[in-house]
Amino acid sequence: MFLEFIYPLVKYFTPFNVFLYLTFRGAYAALTTLLLWFLFGNRIIEVLKNLKVGQSVRSDGPQSHLSKTGTPTMGGVFIIFTVVISMLLWGELSSKMIWLTLGSFVAFGTIGFIDDYLKVRRHNSAGLSAWGKLAGQFVIAATVVLILYFSGAEETTELYIPFLKNPVIDMGSLWIPFGILLVMGASNAVNFSDGLDGLLAGLLILVFITLAILTYISGRVDYASYLGIPYIQGAGELTVVCLAAAGACIGFLWFNAHPAEVFMGDVGSLALGGLIAVISLIIKKEILILIIGGVFVLEIASVIIQVVSFKLRKKRVFKMAPIHHHFEMSGWPETKVVIRFYILGGLFAIIALSTLKIQ
């Protein structure tokens, strides 16, 4: 909104040129979401308490978590709200990429909201059925992927592998099921990673900052050409989205740090996971996102391994899945698990960025 309003005034007051810079708008998009959390975070928590929107905790998990029962959840609703407001203020509203990412962001959040609402209403940890949740995710993912497939450029269906400069294959129509699987997988992987105070928010900050760097250079012909990565016209505008999301996660972490005053809920984790996947599809980082979000990959892999092992062998590989609970059950304090996973997340981000020069 600011850009559309101020751009015609640049010829009268040249300092307004600053609003044309992605870095400026991205920084202030992050500050906007962060400021909104600082100003209204406590009030949101009070509202959630008054609505009796409390978290239900599994009785078969770490016993230390039982004390968290009743902690307000669904804080992800305000994360979505702050990001949308920030983008309306600082984004280029004529950008189709902005509307596609925000649309999928809100849509995945809606699935999570329904799931959280049912959990609160039933006073247990069972929300939407697994098949119901997957069906909703499939519809959203398929819609996004089909839009990209039919409106994208030539490189849309090409698959790029980290450490290799040129695309390894043009997937053609096979890119559609591949993209759908990636979006659904990423959304659920992020969702599985939400189980300890501050864990998911901290990891997401690292991921969104990394994506902000990648979207910025992918949207510039000179940088993309120098680094040998595909140039995606208009992708730079997604930098503002990434930084707005990073700011929202920082603001949320202020209240979610141990001991948590509010939880994100599926409304936040599914929305943010979907957002990450959609951005990676747009900028052709479908494989690299598996490195950037390496901790999320480990989390969902541990769940898959646990389920398959129990189905086939009637034995569990981990004491509890996702894997962050395994370490808790092994005697690690919750805060130590969180900090060590932050370190892993940072290492994965560094490795992902290093691939830009190692190809």
Protein backbone atom coordinates (compact mmCIF):
# COMPACT_ATOMS: atom_id res chain seq x y z
CA MET A 1 0.00 0.00 0.00
CA PHE A 2 2.81 2.39 0.90
CA LEU A 3 4.52 1.64 -2.41
CA GLU A 4 1.42 2.37 -4.50
CA PHE A 5 0.69 5.53 -2.56
CA ILE A 6 4.21 6.96 -2.40
CA TYR A 7 5.59 5.95 -5.83
CA PRO A 8 3.83 8.82 -7.70
CA LEU A 9 5.28 11.27 -5.17
CA VAL A 10 8.91 10.30 -5.82
CA LYS A 11 9.29 12.94 -8.54
CA TYR A 12 8.34 15.61 -6.00
CA PHE A 13 10.36 14.29 -3.07
CA THR A 14 13.27 12.05 -4.10
CA PRO A 15 13.95 10.59 -0.60
CA PHE A 16 10.75 8.57 -1.14
CA ASN A 17 12.89 6.46 -3.48
CA VAL A 18 13.81 4.42 -0.42
CA PHE A 19 10.38 2.77 -0.58
CA LEU A 20 11.35 1.22 -3.90
CA TYR A 21 14.12 -0.83 -2.31
CA LEU A 22 13.27 -4.40 -1.35
CA THR A 23 15.73 -4.34 1.51
CA PHE A 24 14.05 -1.28 3.05
CA ARG A 25 10.53 -2.64 2.68
CA GLY A 26 11.62 -6.07 3.88
CA ALA A 27 13.27 -4.65 6.99
CA TYR A 28 10.21 -2.60 7.87
CA ALA A 29 7.88 -5.50 7.13
CA ALA A 30 9.81 -7.46 9.76
CA LEU A 31 9.70 -4.54 12.19
CA THR A 32 5.95 -4.19 11.64
CA THR A 33 5.16 -7.80 12.55
CA LEU A 34 7.55 -7.65 15.48
CA LEU A 35 6.05 -4.38 16.76
CA LEU A 36 2.51 -5.75 16.47
CA TRP A 37 3.49 -8.70 18.66
CA PHE A 38 5.15 -6.43 21.23
CA LEU A 39 2.13 -4.11 21.34
CA PHE A 40 -0.67 -6.67 21.33
CA GLY A 41 0.94 -9.99 22.30
CA ASN A 42 -0.11 -9.85 25.95
CA ARG A 43 -3.64 -8.82 25.00
CA ILE A 44 -3.92 -11.69 22.53
CA ILE A 45 -2.83 -14.14 25.22
CA GLU A 46 -5.43 -12.72 27.61
CA VAL A 47 -8.14 -13.06 24.95
CA LEU A 48 -7.15 -16.69 24.34
CA LYS A 49 -7.27 -17.35 28.09
CA ASN A 50 -10.70 -15.79 28.37
CA LEU A 51 -11.92 -17.91 25.46
CA LYS A 52 -10.50 -20.95 27.30
CA VAL A 53 -8.45 -21.90 24.24
CA GLY A 54 -6.09 -24.17 26.18
CA GLN A 55 -3.62 -26.78 24.98
CA SER A 56 -4.36 -30.47 25.55
CA VAL A 57 -1.21 -32.49 26.29
CA ARG A 58 -0.66 -36.18 25.52
CA SER A 59 -0.47 -38.25 28.69
CA ASP A 60 1.98 -40.72 27.11
CA GLY A 61 4.61 -38.06 26.45
CA PRO A 62 7.25 -36.53 28.74
CA GLN A 63 5.66 -36.03 32.14
CA SER A 64 7.16 -32.56 32.42
CA HIS A 65 4.76 -31.46 29.68
CA LEU A 66 1.65 -32.18 31.75
CA SER A 67 2.12 -28.85 33.52
CA LYS A 68 1.59 -27.14 30.13
CA THR A 69 -2.01 -28.31 29.95
CA GLY A 70 -4.30 -25.31 29.56
CA THR A 71 -1.62 -22.97 28.18
CA PRO A 72 -3.30 -20.80 25.52
CA THR A 73 -2.85 -22.14 22.01
CA MET A 74 -3.75 -20.96 18.49
CA GLY A 75 -1.26 -18.09 18.73
CA GLY A 76 -0.62 -18.78 15.06
CA VAL A 77 -3.78 -16.85 14.25
CA PHE A 78 -2.02 -13.64 15.25
CA ILE A 79 1.12 -14.68 13.34
CA ILE A 80 -0.98 -14.92 10.18
CA PHE A 81 -2.70 -11.63 10.97
CA THR A 82 0.56 -9.73 11.49
CA VAL A 83 2.14 -11.07 8.29
CA VAL A 84 -0.93 -10.22 6.19
CA ILE A 85 -1.16 -6.70 7.65
CA SER A 86 2.56 -6.15 7.13
CA MET A 87 2.36 -7.28 3.50
CA LEU A 88 -0.61 -5.03 2.82
CA LEU A 89 1.51 -2.14 4.06
CA TRP A 90 4.92 -2.97 2.62
CA GLY A 91 4.33 -5.38 -0.25
CA GLU A 92 3.89 -4.61 -3.92
CA LEU A 93 0.20 -5.41 -4.16
CA SER A 94 0.30 -5.80 -7.93
CA SER A 95 2.58 -8.84 -7.56
CA LYS A 96 0.84 -12.13 -8.32
CA MET A 97 3.50 -13.95 -6.28
CA ILE A 98 2.52 -11.99 -3.19
CA TRP A 99 -1.12 -12.97 -3.50
CA LEU A 100 -0.30 -16.60 -4.28
CA THR A 101 1.93 -16.98 -1.24
CA LEU A 102 -0.42 -15.11 1.09
CA GLY A 103 -3.41 -17.05 -0.25
CA SER A 104 -1.77 -20.41 0.40
CA PHE A 105 -0.51 -19.13 3.77
CA VAL A 106 -4.03 -18.28 4.94
CA ALA A 107 -5.52 -21.42 3.38
CA PHE A 108 -3.15 -23.76 5.23
CA GLY A 109 -3.78 -21.73 8.36
CA THR A 110 -7.50 -22.36 7.96
CA ILE A 111 -6.92 -26.14 7.96
CA GLY A 112 -4.85 -25.74 11.11
CA PHE A 113 -7.48 -23.50 12.70
CA ILE A 114 -10.18 -26.14 12.22
CA ASP A 115 -7.88 -28.78 13.67
CA ASP A 116 -7.04 -26.64 16.71
CA TYR A 117 -10.68 -25.67 17.24
CA LEU A 118 -11.77 -29.31 17.34
CA LYS A 119 -9.00 -30.14 19.82
CA VAL A 120 -10.10 -27.33 22.13
CA ARG A 121 -13.76 -28.18 21.78
CA ARG A 122 -13.20 -31.88 22.52
CA HIS A 123 -10.64 -31.16 25.28
CA ASN A 124 -8.14 -33.67 23.90
CA SER A 125 -5.30 -33.83 21.39
CA ALA A 126 -7.45 -35.34 18.61
CA GLY A 127 -8.54 -32.74 16.08
CA LEU A 128 -9.24 -33.32 12.41
CA SER A 129 -8.84 -36.90 11.27
CA ALA A 130 -5.54 -37.60 9.52
CA TRP A 131 -7.33 -38.18 6.24
CA GLY A 132 -9.41 -35.04 6.63
CA LYS A 133 -6.33 -32.93 7.24
CA LEU A 134 -4.45 -34.49 4.33
CA ALA A 135 -7.42 -33.98 2.00
CA GLY A 136 -7.52 -30.28 2.83
CA GLN A 137 -3.77 -29.94 2.37
CA PHE A 138 -3.96 -31.78 -0.95
CA VAL A 139 -6.59 -29.41 -2.33
CA ILE A 140 -4.57 -26.33 -1.37
CA ALA A 141 -1.25 -27.78 -2.59
CA ALA A 142 -2.76 -28.92 -5.88
CA THR A 143 -4.29 -25.49 -6.48
CA VAL A 144 -0.99 -23.70 -5.91
CA VAL A 145 1.05 -26.13 -7.99
CA LEU A 146 -1.38 -26.03 -10.91
CA ILE A 147 -1.35 -22.22 -10.87
CA LEU A 148 2.44 -22.23 -11.00
CA TYR A 149 2.49 -24.93 -13.68
CA PHE A 150 0.12 -23.16 -16.07
CA SER A 151 1.36 -19.61 -15.46
CA GLY A 152 5.06 -20.20 -14.89
CA ALA A 153 8.05 -19.72 -17.17
CA GLU A 154 10.09 -22.42 -18.90
CA GLU A 155 12.15 -23.17 -15.80
CA THR A 156 9.07 -23.93 -13.68
CA THR A 157 9.22 -27.69 -14.28
CA GLU A 158 13.01 -27.95 -14.27
CA LEU A 159 14.64 -29.63 -11.31
CA TYR A 160 17.79 -28.09 -9.86
CA ILE A 161 20.08 -30.04 -7.54
CA PRO A 162 22.37 -28.29 -5.01
CA PHE A 163 26.04 -28.23 -6.08
CA LEU A 164 25.03 -28.48 -9.76
CA LYS A 165 24.75 -25.34 -11.90
CA ASN A 166 22.38 -26.59 -14.59
CA PRO A 167 19.00 -28.30 -14.15
CA VAL A 168 19.30 -32.08 -14.13
CA ILE A 169 15.95 -32.76 -15.75
CA ASP A 170 12.79 -31.13 -17.04
CA MET A 171 10.09 -33.00 -15.14
CA GLY A 172 7.27 -31.79 -17.36
CA SER A 173 3.85 -32.74 -16.04
CA LEU A 174 5.48 -34.96 -13.38
CA TRP A 175 6.40 -31.72 -11.61
CA ILE A 176 2.75 -31.42 -10.57
CA PRO A 177 2.62 -34.47 -8.25
CA PHE A 178 6.18 -33.72 -7.14
CA GLY A 179 5.21 -30.18 -6.15
CA ILE A 180 2.06 -31.31 -4.37
CA LEU A 181 4.04 -33.88 -2.37
CA LEU A 182 6.65 -31.27 -1.44
CA VAL A 183 4.09 -28.74 -0.22
CA MET A 184 2.15 -31.30 1.82
CA GLY A 185 5.35 -32.82 3.19
CA ALA A 186 6.83 -29.48 4.22
CA SER A 187 3.63 -28.36 5.92
CA ASN A 188 3.43 -31.56 7.95
CA ALA A 189 7.18 -31.63 8.70
CA VAL A 190 6.98 -28.16 10.24
CA ASN A 191 3.85 -29.20 12.12
CA PHE A 192 5.65 -32.21 13.64
CA SER A 193 8.47 -29.95 14.81
CA ASP A 194 6.16 -27.96 17.07
CA GLY A 195 6.40 -29.66 20.43
CA LEU A 196 8.80 -27.80 22.71
CA ASP A 197 8.79 -24.24 24.00
CA GLY A 198 10.47 -21.99 21.45
CA LEU A 199 11.67 -24.84 19.20
CA LEU A 200 9.65 -24.24 16.05
CA ALA A 201 9.71 -20.44 16.16
CA GLY A 202 13.50 -20.35 16.46
CA LEU A 203 13.99 -22.80 13.60
CA LEU A 204 11.57 -20.89 11.39
CA ILE A 205 13.46 -17.64 11.95
CA LEU A 206 16.60 -19.30 10.54
CA VAL A 207 14.70 -20.75 7.58
CA PHE A 208 12.93 -17.51 6.64
CA ILE A 209 16.11 -15.43 6.86
CA THR A 210 17.82 -17.95 4.58
CA LEU A 211 14.89 -17.84 2.16
CA ALA A 212 14.96 -14.03 2.25
CA ILE A 213 18.55 -14.13 0.96
CA LEU A 214 17.66 -16.66 -1.74
CA THR A 215 14.55 -14.82 -2.94
CA TYR A 216 16.47 -11.56 -3.13
CA ILE A 217 19.28 -12.93 -5.29
CA SER A 218 16.88 -15.04 -7.38
CA GLY A 219 14.98 -11.88 -8.27
CA ARG A 220 18.05 -10.02 -9.51
CA VAL A 221 19.45 -10.78 -12.96
CA ASP A 222 23.00 -9.77 -12.03
CA TYR A 223 23.26 -11.81 -8.82
CA ALA A 224 21.48 -14.85 -10.29
CA SER A 225 23.73 -14.83 -13.35
CA TYR A 226 26.89 -14.48 -11.26
CA LEU A 227 25.92 -17.34 -8.94
CA GLY A 228 24.61 -19.54 -11.73
CA ILE A 229 21.10 -19.93 -10.32
CA PRO A 230 17.81 -19.45 -12.20
CA TYR A 231 16.58 -15.87 -12.38
CA ILE A 232 12.91 -15.69 -11.40
CA GLN A 233 11.25 -12.46 -12.46
CA GLY A 234 9.45 -10.84 -9.53
CA ALA A 235 10.81 -13.29 -6.97
CA GLY A 236 12.58 -10.49 -5.14
CA GLU A 237 9.23 -9.33 -3.80
CA LEU A 238 9.06 -12.56 -1.81
CA THR A 239 11.94 -11.21 0.25
CA VAL A 240 9.43 -8.93 1.94
CA VAL A 241 7.19 -11.92 2.70
CA CYS A 242 10.09 -13.90 4.18
CA LEU A 243 11.25 -11.06 6.40
CA ALA A 244 7.68 -10.32 7.54
CA ALA A 245 7.34 -13.99 8.53
CA ALA A 246 10.73 -13.92 10.28
CA GLY A 247 9.69 -10.84 12.26
CA ALA A 248 6.40 -12.48 13.23
CA CYS A 249 8.26 -15.58 14.46
CA ILE A 250 10.65 -13.42 16.49
CA GLY A 251 7.70 -11.61 18.07
CA PHE A 252 5.98 -14.90 18.81
CA LEU A 253 9.17 -16.37 20.28
CA TRP A 254 9.20 -13.54 22.83
CA PHE A 255 6.09 -15.11 24.37
CA ASN A 256 6.78 -18.73 23.42
CA ALA A 257 10.26 -19.01 24.96
CA HIS A 258 10.45 -21.42 27.90
CA PRO A 259 8.23 -21.40 29.89
CA ALA A 260 5.79 -20.68 27.07
CA GLU A 261 2.93 -18.25 27.64
CA VAL A 262 1.26 -19.23 24.37
CA PHE A 263 1.55 -21.99 21.78
CA MET A 264 1.46 -21.61 18.01
CA GLY A 265 -0.98 -24.43 17.34
CA ASP A 266 -1.54 -26.15 14.01
CA VAL A 267 -2.97 -22.91 12.64
CA GLY A 268 0.51 -21.43 12.75
CA SER A 269 2.71 -24.44 11.99
CA LEU A 270 0.72 -25.67 8.98
CA ALA A 271 0.50 -22.14 7.57
CA LEU A 272 4.21 -21.39 7.95
CA GLY A 273 5.22 -24.81 6.64
CA GLY A 274 3.05 -24.33 3.58
CA LEU A 275 4.48 -20.85 3.04
CA ILE A 276 8.05 -22.19 3.07
CA ALA A 277 7.21 -24.87 0.49
CA VAL A 278 5.38 -22.52 -1.88
CA ILE A 279 8.27 -20.04 -1.84
CA SER A 280 10.76 -22.83 -2.54
CA LEU A 281 8.69 -23.94 -5.53
CA ILE A 282 8.58 -20.42 -6.96
CA ILE A 283 12.32 -19.80 -6.70
CA LYS A 284 13.25 -23.33 -7.86
CA LYS A 285 14.78 -24.46 -4.59
CA GLU A 286 12.66 -27.61 -4.21
CA ILE A 287 15.65 -29.77 -3.29
CA LEU A 288 17.63 -27.11 -1.47
CA ILE A 289 14.72 -26.54 0.91
CA LEU A 290 15.35 -30.06 2.24
CA ILE A 291 18.75 -28.82 3.40
CA ILE A 292 17.55 -25.42 4.64
CA GLY A 293 14.85 -27.14 6.69
CA GLY A 294 17.05 -30.11 7.57
CA VAL A 295 15.75 -30.29 11.13
CA PHE A 296 12.17 -30.50 9.82
CA VAL A 297 13.25 -33.37 7.55
CA LEU A 298 14.75 -35.19 10.54
CA GLU A 299 11.55 -34.65 12.52
CA ILE A 300 9.16 -36.05 9.90
CA ALA A 301 11.61 -38.85 9.01
CA SER A 302 11.65 -39.96 12.64
CA VAL A 303 7.85 -40.17 12.62
CA ILE A 304 7.81 -42.19 9.40
CA ILE A 305 10.53 -44.55 10.65
CA GLN A 306 8.72 -45.02 13.97
CA VAL A 307 5.38 -45.82 12.31
CA VAL A 308 6.84 -48.16 9.68
CA SER A 309 8.99 -49.98 12.22
CA PHE A 310 6.05 -50.52 14.58
CA LYS A 311 3.77 -51.68 11.76
CA LEU A 312 6.29 -54.16 10.37
CA ARG A 313 8.30 -55.24 13.40
CA LYS A 314 6.09 -54.25 16.34
CA LYS A 315 9.14 -52.44 17.69
CA ARG A 316 9.89 -48.74 18.11
CA VAL A 317 13.17 -47.23 16.93
CA PHE A 318 12.81 -44.11 19.09
CA LYS A 319 11.56 -43.78 22.64
CA MET A 320 9.03 -41.32 21.23
CA ALA A 321 8.55 -39.55 17.92
CA PRO A 322 9.06 -36.87 16.67
CA ILE A 323 12.73 -37.09 17.49
CA HIS A 324 12.85 -34.05 19.80
CA HIS A 325 10.73 -36.06 22.26
CA HIS A 326 13.15 -38.99 21.97
CA PHE A 327 15.94 -36.82 23.34
CA GLU A 328 13.68 -35.55 26.10
CA MET A 329 12.80 -39.11 27.08
CA SER A 330 16.54 -39.85 27.04
CA GLY A 331 17.07 -37.31 29.80
CA TRP A 332 17.93 -34.09 27.96
CA PRO A 333 16.31 -31.01 29.52
CA GLU A 334 13.80 -29.33 27.21
CA THR A 335 15.85 -26.16 26.88
CA LYS A 336 18.97 -28.15 25.93
CA VAL A 337 17.07 -29.96 23.16
CA VAL A 338 15.83 -26.62 21.82
CA ILE A 339 19.24 -24.93 21.81
CA ARG A 340 20.95 -27.91 20.19
CA PHE A 341 18.29 -28.06 17.50
CA TYR A 342 18.84 -24.33 16.91
CA ILE A 343 22.51 -25.09 16.34
CA LEU A 344 21.60 -27.84 13.87
CA GLY A 345 19.21 -25.48 12.11
CA GLY A 346 21.94 -22.87 11.80
CA LEU A 347 24.37 -25.43 10.37
CA PHE A 348 21.83 -26.54 7.78
CA ALA A 349 21.23 -22.92 6.77
CA ILE A 350 24.98 -22.30 6.35
CA ILE A 351 25.39 -25.47 4.27
CA ALA A 352 22.44 -24.46 2.07
CA LEU A 353 23.86 -20.99 1.41
CA SER A 354 27.30 -22.43 0.72
CA THR A 355 25.90 -24.40 -2.21
CA LEU A 356 25.49 -21.11 -4.10
CA LYS A 357 29.25 -20.96 -4.60
CA ILE A 358 30.02 -24.69 -4.73
CA GLN A 359 28.65 -25.49 -8.16
